[in-house]
Amino acid sequence: MRMPTILKILLGNRKAACGLAIVVAFVLMAIFAPILASNEPTKRVARPHQPPSAEFVMGSTRMGHDIWAQFTNGARISLLVGFSAGILVCTLAVAIGITAGYFGGMIDECLTFLMNVVLVIPNLPLLLVLASFIGEASPTVIAVIIGLTSWAYGARVIRAQTLALREKEFVIAAEVLGEPAWRIILVEILPNLISIIGVSFIGSIIYAIVTEATLEFLGLGDPTVVSWGIMLYNAQTSSAILIGAWWEILAPCFAIATLGAGLALLNFAIDEIANPQLRSHKGLNRWKKLATPVATPLSAAQEKTA
């Protein structure tokens, strides 16, 4: 399926269109952050705990930093961690899941055992231990830690789907014709897993952004880096809620919640498009119109003669 067709189907779904608009808005905000915010995010430009005003639309922090500048520049780090961890999670999940499901035997048993071990270990306590052992972890280190500890569930789902696809006629036919295993995996199996991989990728981004903010809120991130999690950490250490500086908490919480909602809408939309049982009748009719070829006079005449 071509990219314009995929984009057309996504825009034909209201959830996907809304979610895509939110995600694109945050990505553009991160790209053009220096233009949108004239002040440096770590430079003192206002009075401490200054409420929102015409000059500082989101107010200022205890150190007199412009919250709007931190809000826009913080999107860069949070999106970088989210997408980096999502790519790492999907790469590991696809590689391990397909390998276990297709080859089977001892390879499947060993990889399945590894998946079960990773799934049994609670993620957040493990992340806390690793991050505290490292110290003030940089965003790159946090993304790698999240990626290395969060791939097992996606790999398990992909393995199950690969086991089902391995018994399909087109895969068996390719094996009978003597096609190499790598070609069968890349050409016959992988294209049929695109929707599952997409859902896993988006879910991993949401999880990574929230987890990064959690670790930084608990003081395990690098305080010299501006991100939404560090904004929450600074607001907590300055007792922003106790002194009534609600705007210091509102900005990062709004960013994380809104971006998470946009990604979740995209996730739900991909599920609806890929799974016919989840589509509403109205959405199904729109999807059918996009998927059904336009009838021509010649085809109509052929149908009448038939």
C-alpha atoms as a PDB file:
ATOM      1  CA  MET A   1       0.000   0.000   0.000  1.00  0.00           C
ATOM      2  CA  ARG A   2       1.414   3.391  -1.000  1.00  0.00           C
ATOM      3  CA  MET A   3       2.078   6.169   1.491  1.00  0.00           C
ATOM      4  CA  PRO A   4      -0.568   8.552   0.014  1.00  0.00           C
ATOM      5  CA  THR A   5      -3.171   5.783   0.363  1.00  0.00           C
ATOM      6  CA  ILE A   6      -2.181   5.123   3.975  1.00  0.00           C
ATOM      7  CA  LEU A   7      -2.348   8.848   4.754  1.00  0.00           C
ATOM      8  CA  LYS A   8      -5.743   9.092   3.057  1.00  0.00           C
ATOM      9  CA  ILE A   9      -7.122   6.207   5.119  1.00  0.00           C
ATOM     10  CA  LEU A  10      -5.740   7.722   8.335  1.00  0.00           C
ATOM     11  CA  LEU A  11      -7.225  11.135   7.579  1.00  0.00           C
ATOM     12  CA  GLY A  12     -10.540   9.418   6.816  1.00  0.00           C
ATOM     13  CA  ASN A  13     -10.667   8.288  10.442  1.00  0.00           C
ATOM     14  CA  ARG A  14     -11.594  11.043  12.892  1.00  0.00           C
ATOM     15  CA  LYS A  15      -9.500   9.647  15.728  1.00  0.00           C
ATOM     16  CA  ALA A  16      -6.463   9.300  13.491  1.00  0.00           C
ATOM     17  CA  ALA A  17      -6.888  12.793  12.030  1.00  0.00           C
ATOM     18  CA  CYS A  18      -7.225  14.370  15.479  1.00  0.00           C
ATOM     19  CA  GLY A  19      -4.323  12.387  16.924  1.00  0.00           C
ATOM     20  CA  LEU A  20      -2.103  13.111  13.933  1.00  0.00           C
ATOM     21  CA  ALA A  21      -2.856  16.837  14.192  1.00  0.00           C
ATOM     22  CA  ILE A  22      -1.849  16.876  17.878  1.00  0.00           C
ATOM     23  CA  VAL A  23       1.375  14.946  17.299  1.00  0.00           C
ATOM     24  CA  VAL A  24       2.363  17.063  14.278  1.00  0.00           C
ATOM     25  CA  ALA A  25       1.692  20.245  16.289  1.00  0.00           C
ATOM     26  CA  PHE A  26       4.069  19.111  19.042  1.00  0.00           C
ATOM     27  CA  VAL A  27       6.718  18.039  16.534  1.00  0.00           C
ATOM     28  CA  LEU A  28       6.550  21.428  14.791  1.00  0.00           C
ATOM     29  CA  MET A  29       6.694  23.171  18.165  1.00  0.00           C
ATOM     30  CA  ALA A  30       9.846  21.230  19.029  1.00  0.00           C
ATOM     31  CA  ILE A  31      11.463  22.018  15.669  1.00  0.00           C
ATOM     32  CA  PHE A  32      10.701  25.744  15.782  1.00  0.00           C
ATOM     33  CA  ALA A  33      11.156  26.181  19.559  1.00  0.00           C
ATOM     34  CA  PRO A  34      13.874  28.878  19.230  1.00  0.00           C
ATOM     35  CA  ILE A  35      11.551  30.914  17.001  1.00  0.00           C
ATOM     36  CA  LEU A  36       8.432  30.445  19.147  1.00  0.00           C
ATOM     37  CA  ALA A  37      10.233  31.358  22.382  1.00  0.00           C
ATOM     38  CA  SER A  38      12.628  34.296  22.266  1.00  0.00           C
ATOM     39  CA  ASN A  39      13.988  33.717  25.785  1.00  0.00           C
ATOM     40  CA  GLU A  40      16.521  31.074  26.753  1.00  0.00           C
ATOM     41  CA  PRO A  41      14.887  28.303  28.835  1.00  0.00           C
ATOM     42  CA  THR A  42      17.650  28.419  31.493  1.00  0.00           C
ATOM     43  CA  LYS A  43      18.152  32.191  31.618  1.00  0.00           C
ATOM     44  CA  ARG A  44      16.637  34.358  34.345  1.00  0.00           C
ATOM     45  CA  VAL A  45      14.335  36.842  32.631  1.00  0.00           C
ATOM     46  CA  ALA A  46      11.510  37.452  35.135  1.00  0.00           C
ATOM     47  CA  ARG A  47      10.672  37.689  38.819  1.00  0.00           C
ATOM     48  CA  PRO A  48      10.432  34.362  40.703  1.00  0.00           C
ATOM     49  CA  HIS A  49       7.024  32.657  40.562  1.00  0.00           C
ATOM     50  CA  GLN A  50       5.547  35.331  38.310  1.00  0.00           C
ATOM     51  CA  PRO A  51       2.009  34.328  37.230  1.00  0.00           C
ATOM     52  CA  PRO A  52       0.977  34.188  33.558  1.00  0.00           C
ATOM     53  CA  SER A  53       0.826  37.599  31.913  1.00  0.00           C
ATOM     54  CA  ALA A  54       1.017  39.234  28.508  1.00  0.00           C
ATOM     55  CA  GLU A  55       4.815  39.268  28.719  1.00  0.00           C
ATOM     56  CA  PHE A  56       5.179  35.707  30.050  1.00  0.00           C
ATOM     57  CA  VAL A  57       2.178  33.731  28.829  1.00  0.00           C
ATOM     58  CA  MET A  58       2.889  30.731  31.087  1.00  0.00           C
ATOM     59  CA  GLY A  59       4.526  32.588  33.954  1.00  0.00           C
ATOM     60  CA  SER A  60       7.956  32.003  35.438  1.00  0.00           C
ATOM     61  CA  THR A  61       9.651  29.507  37.762  1.00  0.00           C
ATOM     62  CA  ARG A  62      11.327  29.967  41.145  1.00  0.00           C
ATOM     63  CA  MET A  63      14.552  30.865  39.329  1.00  0.00           C
ATOM     64  CA  GLY A  64      12.799  33.390  37.070  1.00  0.00           C
ATOM     65  CA  HIS A  65      12.951  31.169  33.986  1.00  0.00           C
ATOM     66  CA  ASP A  66      10.350  31.603  31.257  1.00  0.00           C
ATOM     67  CA  ILE A  67       8.008  28.589  31.431  1.00  0.00           C
ATOM     68  CA  TRP A  68       6.897  29.043  27.806  1.00  0.00           C
ATOM     69  CA  ALA A  69      10.534  28.732  26.688  1.00  0.00           C
ATOM     70  CA  GLN A  70      10.911  25.585  28.797  1.00  0.00           C
ATOM     71  CA  PHE A  71       7.586  24.247  27.507  1.00  0.00           C
ATOM     72  CA  THR A  72       8.605  24.531  23.848  1.00  0.00           C
ATOM     73  CA  ASN A  73      12.245  23.499  24.248  1.00  0.00           C
ATOM     74  CA  GLY A  74      11.317  20.669  26.597  1.00  0.00           C
ATOM     75  CA  ALA A  75       9.288  19.093  23.800  1.00  0.00           C
ATOM     76  CA  ARG A  76      12.550  18.360  21.982  1.00  0.00           C
ATOM     77  CA  ILE A  77      13.954  16.178  24.762  1.00  0.00           C
ATOM     78  CA  SER A  78      10.677  14.427  25.559  1.00  0.00           C
ATOM     79  CA  LEU A  79       9.976  13.634  21.898  1.00  0.00           C
ATOM     80  CA  LEU A  80      13.582  12.549  21.362  1.00  0.00           C
ATOM     81  CA  VAL A  81      13.380  10.113  24.282  1.00  0.00           C
ATOM     82  CA  GLY A  82       9.954   8.866  23.190  1.00  0.00           C
ATOM     83  CA  PHE A  83      10.817   8.212  19.557  1.00  0.00           C
ATOM     84  CA  SER A  84      14.292   6.830  20.328  1.00  0.00           C
ATOM     85  CA  ALA A  85      12.935   4.387  22.894  1.00  0.00           C
ATOM     86  CA  GLY A  86      10.049   3.484  20.572  1.00  0.00           C
ATOM     87  CA  ILE A  87      12.424   2.659  17.713  1.00  0.00           C
ATOM     88  CA  LEU A  88      14.633   0.560  20.008  1.00  0.00           C
ATOM     89  CA  VAL A  89      11.648  -1.285  21.503  1.00  0.00           C
ATOM     90  CA  CYS A  90      10.166  -2.051  18.073  1.00  0.00           C
ATOM     91  CA  THR A  91      13.504  -3.169  16.640  1.00  0.00           C
ATOM     92  CA  LEU A  92      14.086  -5.624  19.486  1.00  0.00           C
ATOM     93  CA  ALA A  93      10.459  -6.794  19.559  1.00  0.00           C
ATOM     94  CA  VAL A  94      10.309  -7.422  15.805  1.00  0.00           C
ATOM     95  CA  ALA A  95      13.700  -9.133  15.617  1.00  0.00           C
ATOM     96  CA  ILE A  96      13.135 -11.397  18.621  1.00  0.00           C
ATOM     97  CA  GLY A  97       9.419 -12.037  18.017  1.00  0.00           C
ATOM     98  CA  ILE A  98       9.746 -12.994  14.342  1.00  0.00           C
ATOM     99  CA  THR A  99      12.862 -15.093  14.980  1.00  0.00           C
ATOM    100  CA  ALA A 100      11.140 -17.040  17.748  1.00  0.00           C
ATOM    101  CA  GLY A 101       7.888 -17.485  15.834  1.00  0.00           C
ATOM    102  CA  TYR A 102       9.340 -18.453  12.473  1.00  0.00           C
ATOM    103  CA  PHE A 103      12.243 -20.748  13.365  1.00  0.00           C
ATOM    104  CA  GLY A 104      10.624 -22.454  16.374  1.00  0.00           C
ATOM    105  CA  GLY A 105      12.352 -25.319  18.165  1.00  0.00           C
ATOM    106  CA  MET A 106      15.139 -24.559  20.612  1.00  0.00           C
ATOM    107  CA  ILE A 107      15.438 -20.978  19.336  1.00  0.00           C
ATOM    108  CA  ASP A 108      11.779 -20.362  20.161  1.00  0.00           C
ATOM    109  CA  GLU A 109      12.112 -21.932  23.604  1.00  0.00           C
ATOM    110  CA  CYS A 110      15.165 -19.862  24.541  1.00  0.00           C
ATOM    111  CA  LEU A 111      13.720 -16.578  23.272  1.00  0.00           C
ATOM    112  CA  THR A 112      10.319 -17.261  24.863  1.00  0.00           C
ATOM    113  CA  PHE A 113      12.055 -17.942  28.186  1.00  0.00           C
ATOM    114  CA  LEU A 114      13.892 -14.621  27.823  1.00  0.00           C
ATOM    115  CA  MET A 115      10.589 -12.820  27.109  1.00  0.00           C
ATOM    116  CA  ASN A 116       8.966 -14.366  30.179  1.00  0.00           C
ATOM    117  CA  VAL A 117      11.893 -13.367  32.394  1.00  0.00           C
ATOM    118  CA  VAL A 118      11.733  -9.744  31.203  1.00  0.00           C
ATOM    119  CA  LEU A 119       7.935  -9.679  31.573  1.00  0.00           C
ATOM    120  CA  VAL A 120       8.065 -11.001  35.146  1.00  0.00           C
ATOM    121  CA  ILE A 121      10.412  -8.225  36.322  1.00  0.00           C
ATOM    122  CA  PRO A 122       8.426  -5.053  37.206  1.00  0.00           C
ATOM    123  CA  ASN A 123       9.540  -2.321  34.835  1.00  0.00           C
ATOM    124  CA  LEU A 124       9.332   0.764  37.031  1.00  0.00           C
ATOM    125  CA  PRO A 125      11.292  -0.657  40.011  1.00  0.00           C
ATOM    126  CA  LEU A 126      13.911  -1.983  37.583  1.00  0.00           C
ATOM    127  CA  LEU A 127      14.161   1.413  35.898  1.00  0.00           C
ATOM    128  CA  LEU A 128      14.495   3.127  39.277  1.00  0.00           C
ATOM    129  CA  VAL A 129      17.325   0.793  40.296  1.00  0.00           C
ATOM    130  CA  LEU A 130      19.177   1.209  36.990  1.00  0.00           C
ATOM    131  CA  ALA A 131      18.725   4.986  36.905  1.00  0.00           C
ATOM    132  CA  SER A 132      19.817   5.403  40.535  1.00  0.00           C
ATOM    133  CA  PHE A 133      22.865   3.217  39.887  1.00  0.00           C
ATOM    134  CA  ILE A 134      23.862   5.380  36.912  1.00  0.00           C
ATOM    135  CA  GLY A 135      23.205   8.639  38.750  1.00  0.00           C
ATOM    136  CA  GLU A 136      22.030  11.725  36.857  1.00  0.00           C
ATOM    137  CA  ALA A 137      21.066   9.900  33.679  1.00  0.00           C
ATOM    138  CA  SER A 138      21.041  11.828  30.410  1.00  0.00           C
ATOM    139  CA  PRO A 139      17.991  11.610  28.099  1.00  0.00           C
ATOM    140  CA  THR A 140      19.914   9.246  25.804  1.00  0.00           C
ATOM    141  CA  VAL A 141      20.682   6.874  28.676  1.00  0.00           C
ATOM    142  CA  ILE A 142      17.053   6.981  29.828  1.00  0.00           C
ATOM    143  CA  ALA A 143      15.856   6.151  26.298  1.00  0.00           C
ATOM    144  CA  VAL A 144      18.251   3.185  26.074  1.00  0.00           C
ATOM    145  CA  ILE A 145      17.222   1.872  29.505  1.00  0.00           C
ATOM    146  CA  ILE A 146      13.526   2.121  28.617  1.00  0.00           C
ATOM    147  CA  GLY A 147      14.124   0.415  25.276  1.00  0.00           C
ATOM    148  CA  LEU A 148      16.098  -2.478  26.758  1.00  0.00           C
ATOM    149  CA  THR A 149      13.486  -3.188  29.440  1.00  0.00           C
ATOM    150  CA  SER A 150      10.217  -2.713  27.505  1.00  0.00           C
ATOM    151  CA  TRP A 151      10.425  -4.906  24.376  1.00  0.00           C
ATOM    152  CA  ALA A 152       9.146  -8.212  25.766  1.00  0.00           C
ATOM    153  CA  TYR A 153       5.385  -7.623  25.498  1.00  0.00           C
ATOM    154  CA  GLY A 154       5.595  -6.514  21.860  1.00  0.00           C
ATOM    155  CA  ALA A 155       7.875  -9.443  21.036  1.00  0.00           C
ATOM    156  CA  ARG A 156       5.368 -11.859  22.556  1.00  0.00           C
ATOM    157  CA  VAL A 157       2.520 -10.462  20.436  1.00  0.00           C
ATOM    158  CA  ILE A 158       4.620 -10.526  17.248  1.00  0.00           C
ATOM    159  CA  ARG A 159       5.749 -14.094  17.983  1.00  0.00           C
ATOM    160  CA  ALA A 160       2.134 -15.250  18.297  1.00  0.00           C
ATOM    161  CA  GLN A 161       1.178 -13.567  15.027  1.00  0.00           C
ATOM    162  CA  THR A 162       4.237 -15.011  13.271  1.00  0.00           C
ATOM    163  CA  LEU A 163       3.275 -18.512  14.416  1.00  0.00           C
ATOM    164  CA  ALA A 164      -0.121 -18.019  12.769  1.00  0.00           C
ATOM    165  CA  LEU A 165       1.361 -16.591   9.553  1.00  0.00           C
ATOM    166  CA  ARG A 166       3.885 -19.415   9.280  1.00  0.00           C
ATOM    167  CA  GLU A 167       1.030 -21.848   8.602  1.00  0.00           C
ATOM    168  CA  LYS A 168      -0.477 -19.740   5.809  1.00  0.00           C
ATOM    169  CA  GLU A 169      -0.430 -21.087   2.264  1.00  0.00           C
ATOM    170  CA  PHE A 170       1.667 -18.267   0.787  1.00  0.00           C
ATOM    171  CA  VAL A 171       4.425 -18.862   3.363  1.00  0.00           C
ATOM    172  CA  ILE A 172       4.356 -22.627   2.809  1.00  0.00           C
ATOM    173  CA  ALA A 173       4.473 -22.065  -0.971  1.00  0.00           C
ATOM    174  CA  ALA A 174       7.520 -19.814  -0.606  1.00  0.00           C
ATOM    175  CA  GLU A 175       9.258 -22.465   1.492  1.00  0.00           C
ATOM    176  CA  VAL A 176       8.448 -25.175  -1.079  1.00  0.00           C
ATOM    177  CA  LEU A 177       9.912 -22.998  -3.841  1.00  0.00           C
ATOM    178  CA  GLY A 178      13.160 -22.847  -1.880  1.00  0.00           C
ATOM    179  CA  GLU A 179      13.045 -19.179  -0.892  1.00  0.00           C
ATOM    180  CA  PRO A 180      15.635 -18.307   1.793  1.00  0.00           C
ATOM    181  CA  ALA A 181      14.352 -17.685   5.312  1.00  0.00           C
ATOM    182  CA  TRP A 182      15.392 -14.011   5.338  1.00  0.00           C
ATOM    183  CA  ARG A 183      13.389 -13.329   2.170  1.00  0.00           C
ATOM    184  CA  ILE A 184      10.292 -15.106   3.490  1.00  0.00           C
ATOM    185  CA  ILE A 185      10.497 -13.063   6.682  1.00  0.00           C
ATOM    186  CA  LEU A 186      11.012  -9.723   4.916  1.00  0.00           C
ATOM    187  CA  VAL A 187       8.652 -10.215   1.960  1.00  0.00           C
ATOM    188  CA  GLU A 188       5.925 -12.575   3.181  1.00  0.00           C
ATOM    189  CA  ILE A 189       5.676 -12.176   6.970  1.00  0.00           C
ATOM    190  CA  LEU A 190       6.838  -8.668   7.883  1.00  0.00           C
ATOM    191  CA  PRO A 191       4.342  -6.767   5.647  1.00  0.00           C
ATOM    192  CA  ASN A 192       1.486  -8.588   7.406  1.00  0.00           C
ATOM    193  CA  LEU A 193       2.718  -7.349  10.787  1.00  0.00           C
ATOM    194  CA  ILE A 194       2.781  -3.635   9.937  1.00  0.00           C
ATOM    195  CA  SER A 195      -0.372  -2.754  11.906  1.00  0.00           C
ATOM    196  CA  ILE A 196       0.843  -4.628  14.999  1.00  0.00           C
ATOM    197  CA  ILE A 197       4.268  -3.009  14.741  1.00  0.00           C
ATOM    198  CA  GLY A 198       2.660   0.426  14.351  1.00  0.00           C
ATOM    199  CA  VAL A 199       0.521  -0.049  17.453  1.00  0.00           C
ATOM    200  CA  SER A 200       3.547  -1.300  19.397  1.00  0.00           C
ATOM    201  CA  PHE A 201       5.646   1.656  18.246  1.00  0.00           C
ATOM    202  CA  ILE A 202       3.099   4.282  19.255  1.00  0.00           C
ATOM    203  CA  GLY A 203       2.419   2.559  22.572  1.00  0.00           C
ATOM    204  CA  SER A 204       6.154   2.482  23.265  1.00  0.00           C
ATOM    205  CA  ILE A 205       6.427   6.226  22.599  1.00  0.00           C
ATOM    206  CA  ILE A 206       3.654   6.980  25.101  1.00  0.00           C
ATOM    207  CA  TYR A 207       5.228   4.705  27.695  1.00  0.00           C
ATOM    208  CA  ALA A 208       8.700   6.183  27.160  1.00  0.00           C
ATOM    209  CA  ILE A 209       7.548   9.808  27.494  1.00  0.00           C
ATOM    210  CA  VAL A 210       5.605   9.100  30.695  1.00  0.00           C
ATOM    211  CA  THR A 211       8.409   6.955  32.147  1.00  0.00           C
ATOM    212  CA  GLU A 212      11.047   9.580  31.351  1.00  0.00           C
ATOM    213  CA  ALA A 213       8.950  12.237  33.081  1.00  0.00           C
ATOM    214  CA  THR A 214       8.473   9.918  36.082  1.00  0.00           C
ATOM    215  CA  LEU A 215      12.195   9.215  36.464  1.00  0.00           C
ATOM    216  CA  GLU A 216      13.085  12.897  36.144  1.00  0.00           C
ATOM    217  CA  PHE A 217      10.305  13.904  38.544  1.00  0.00           C
ATOM    218  CA  LEU A 218      11.869  11.546  41.112  1.00  0.00           C
ATOM    219  CA  GLY A 219      15.220  13.284  40.654  1.00  0.00           C
ATOM    220  CA  LEU A 220      16.957  10.635  38.541  1.00  0.00           C
ATOM    221  CA  GLY A 221      17.414  12.778  35.428  1.00  0.00           C
ATOM    222  CA  ASP A 222      19.957  15.403  34.439  1.00  0.00           C
ATOM    223  CA  PRO A 223      18.800  18.722  36.006  1.00  0.00           C
ATOM    224  CA  THR A 224      20.838  20.745  33.502  1.00  0.00           C
ATOM    225  CA  VAL A 225      18.661  19.492  30.614  1.00  0.00           C
ATOM    226  CA  VAL A 226      15.297  21.154  29.982  1.00  0.00           C
ATOM    227  CA  SER A 227      12.470  18.651  29.589  1.00  0.00           C
ATOM    228  CA  TRP A 228       8.905  18.280  30.823  1.00  0.00           C
ATOM    229  CA  GLY A 229      10.022  15.856  33.534  1.00  0.00           C
ATOM    230  CA  ILE A 230      12.681  18.280  34.800  1.00  0.00           C
ATOM    231  CA  MET A 231      10.025  21.026  34.839  1.00  0.00           C
ATOM    232  CA  LEU A 232       7.924  18.839  37.150  1.00  0.00           C
ATOM    233  CA  TYR A 233      10.967  18.106  39.305  1.00  0.00           C
ATOM    234  CA  ASN A 234      11.801  21.810  39.655  1.00  0.00           C
ATOM    235  CA  ALA A 235       8.188  22.628  40.498  1.00  0.00           C
ATOM    236  CA  GLN A 236       8.193  19.938  43.178  1.00  0.00           C
ATOM    237  CA  THR A 237      11.466  21.073  44.764  1.00  0.00           C
ATOM    238  CA  SER A 238      10.260  24.685  44.853  1.00  0.00           C
ATOM    239  CA  SER A 239       6.924  23.671  46.486  1.00  0.00           C
ATOM    240  CA  ALA A 240       5.015  25.317  43.649  1.00  0.00           C
ATOM    241  CA  ILE A 241       1.656  23.861  44.686  1.00  0.00           C
ATOM    242  CA  LEU A 242       2.040  24.876  48.342  1.00  0.00           C
ATOM    243  CA  ILE A 243       2.742  28.509  47.474  1.00  0.00           C
ATOM    244  CA  GLY A 244      -0.007  28.652  44.831  1.00  0.00           C
ATOM    245  CA  ALA A 245       2.227  28.657  41.732  1.00  0.00           C
ATOM    246  CA  TRP A 246      -0.076  26.248  39.912  1.00  0.00           C
ATOM    247  CA  TRP A 247       1.144  27.340  36.468  1.00  0.00           C
ATOM    248  CA  GLU A 248       4.515  25.656  37.044  1.00  0.00           C
ATOM    249  CA  ILE A 249       2.794  22.270  37.363  1.00  0.00           C
ATOM    250  CA  LEU A 250       0.111  22.898  34.734  1.00  0.00           C
ATOM    251  CA  ALA A 251       2.427  23.452  31.743  1.00  0.00           C
ATOM    252  CA  PRO A 252       4.341  20.118  31.761  1.00  0.00           C
ATOM    253  CA  CYS A 253       1.266  18.148  32.848  1.00  0.00           C
ATOM    254  CA  PHE A 254      -0.758  19.644  29.999  1.00  0.00           C
ATOM    255  CA  ALA A 255       2.001  18.828  27.501  1.00  0.00           C
ATOM    256  CA  ILE A 256       2.377  15.192  28.594  1.00  0.00           C
ATOM    257  CA  ALA A 257      -1.381  14.610  28.800  1.00  0.00           C
ATOM    258  CA  THR A 258      -2.157  16.231  25.435  1.00  0.00           C
ATOM    259  CA  LEU A 259       0.638  14.480  23.545  1.00  0.00           C
ATOM    260  CA  GLY A 260      -0.281  11.186  25.203  1.00  0.00           C
ATOM    261  CA  ALA A 261      -3.913  11.656  24.181  1.00  0.00           C
ATOM    262  CA  GLY A 262      -2.898  12.374  20.578  1.00  0.00           C
ATOM    263  CA  LEU A 263      -0.728   9.265  20.391  1.00  0.00           C
ATOM    264  CA  ALA A 264      -3.466   7.186  22.028  1.00  0.00           C
ATOM    265  CA  LEU A 265      -5.999   8.380  19.436  1.00  0.00           C
ATOM    266  CA  LEU A 266      -3.591   7.324  16.686  1.00  0.00           C
ATOM    267  CA  ASN A 267      -3.218   3.952  18.377  1.00  0.00           C
ATOM    268  CA  PHE A 268      -6.980   3.415  18.589  1.00  0.00           C
ATOM    269  CA  ALA A 269      -7.394   4.470  14.957  1.00  0.00           C
ATOM    270  CA  ILE A 270      -4.801   1.986  13.712  1.00  0.00           C
ATOM    271  CA  ASP A 271      -6.610  -0.730  15.667  1.00  0.00           C
ATOM    272  CA  GLU A 272      -9.918   0.238  14.059  1.00  0.00           C
ATOM    273  CA  ILE A 273      -8.466   0.313  10.553  1.00  0.00           C
ATOM    274  CA  ALA A 274      -6.624  -2.992  10.949  1.00  0.00           C
ATOM    275  CA  ASN A 275      -9.399  -4.823  12.826  1.00  0.00           C
ATOM    276  CA  PRO A 276     -12.818  -4.777  11.087  1.00  0.00           C
ATOM    277  CA  GLN A 277     -14.612  -5.746  14.318  1.00  0.00           C
ATOM    278  CA  LEU A 278     -13.549  -2.465  15.958  1.00  0.00           C
ATOM    279  CA  ARG A 279     -14.804  -0.194  13.188  1.00  0.00           C
ATOM    280  CA  SER A 280     -18.042   1.701  13.645  1.00  0.00           C
ATOM    281  CA  HIS A 281     -20.574   1.486  10.814  1.00  0.00           C
ATOM    282  CA  LYS A 282     -19.995   5.106   9.857  1.00  0.00           C
ATOM    283  CA  GLY A 283     -16.213   4.723   9.921  1.00  0.00           C
ATOM    284  CA  LEU A 284     -16.493   1.424   8.068  1.00  0.00           C
ATOM    285  CA  ASN A 285     -18.444   3.055   5.258  1.00  0.00           C
ATOM    286  CA  ARG A 286     -15.775   5.752   4.897  1.00  0.00           C
ATOM    287  CA  TRP A 287     -13.043   3.106   4.893  1.00  0.00           C
ATOM    288  CA  LYS A 288     -14.896   1.055   2.263  1.00  0.00           C
ATOM    289  CA  LYS A 289     -15.235   4.102   0.029  1.00  0.00           C
ATOM    290  CA  LEU A 290     -11.480   4.659   0.210  1.00  0.00           C
ATOM    291  CA  ALA A 291     -10.697   0.993  -0.434  1.00  0.00           C
ATOM    292  CA  THR A 292     -13.288   0.318  -3.166  1.00  0.00           C
ATOM    293  CA  PRO A 293     -12.180   1.148  -6.744  1.00  0.00           C
ATOM    294  CA  VAL A 294     -14.268   3.671  -8.650  1.00  0.00           C
ATOM    295  CA  ALA A 295     -16.639   2.037 -11.138  1.00  0.00           C
ATOM    296  CA  THR A 296     -16.143   2.967 -14.799  1.00  0.00           C
ATOM    297  CA  PRO A 297     -18.779   2.881 -17.586  1.00  0.00           C
ATOM    298  CA  LEU A 298     -17.009  -0.134 -19.103  1.00  0.00           C
ATOM    299  CA  SER A 299     -17.118  -2.112 -15.855  1.00  0.00           C
ATOM    300  CA  ALA A 300     -20.780  -1.161 -15.340  1.00  0.00           C
ATOM    301  CA  ALA A 301     -21.637  -2.387 -18.851  1.00  0.00           C
ATOM    302  CA  GLN A 302     -19.799  -5.657 -18.222  1.00  0.00           C
ATOM    303  CA  GLU A 303     -21.757  -6.196 -15.002  1.00  0.00           C
ATOM    304  CA  LYS A 304     -25.066  -5.651 -16.823  1.00  0.00           C
ATOM    305  CA  THR A 305     -24.181  -8.122 -19.577  1.00  0.00           C
ATOM    306  CA  ALA A 306     -23.107 -10.675 -16.967  1.00  0.00           C
END
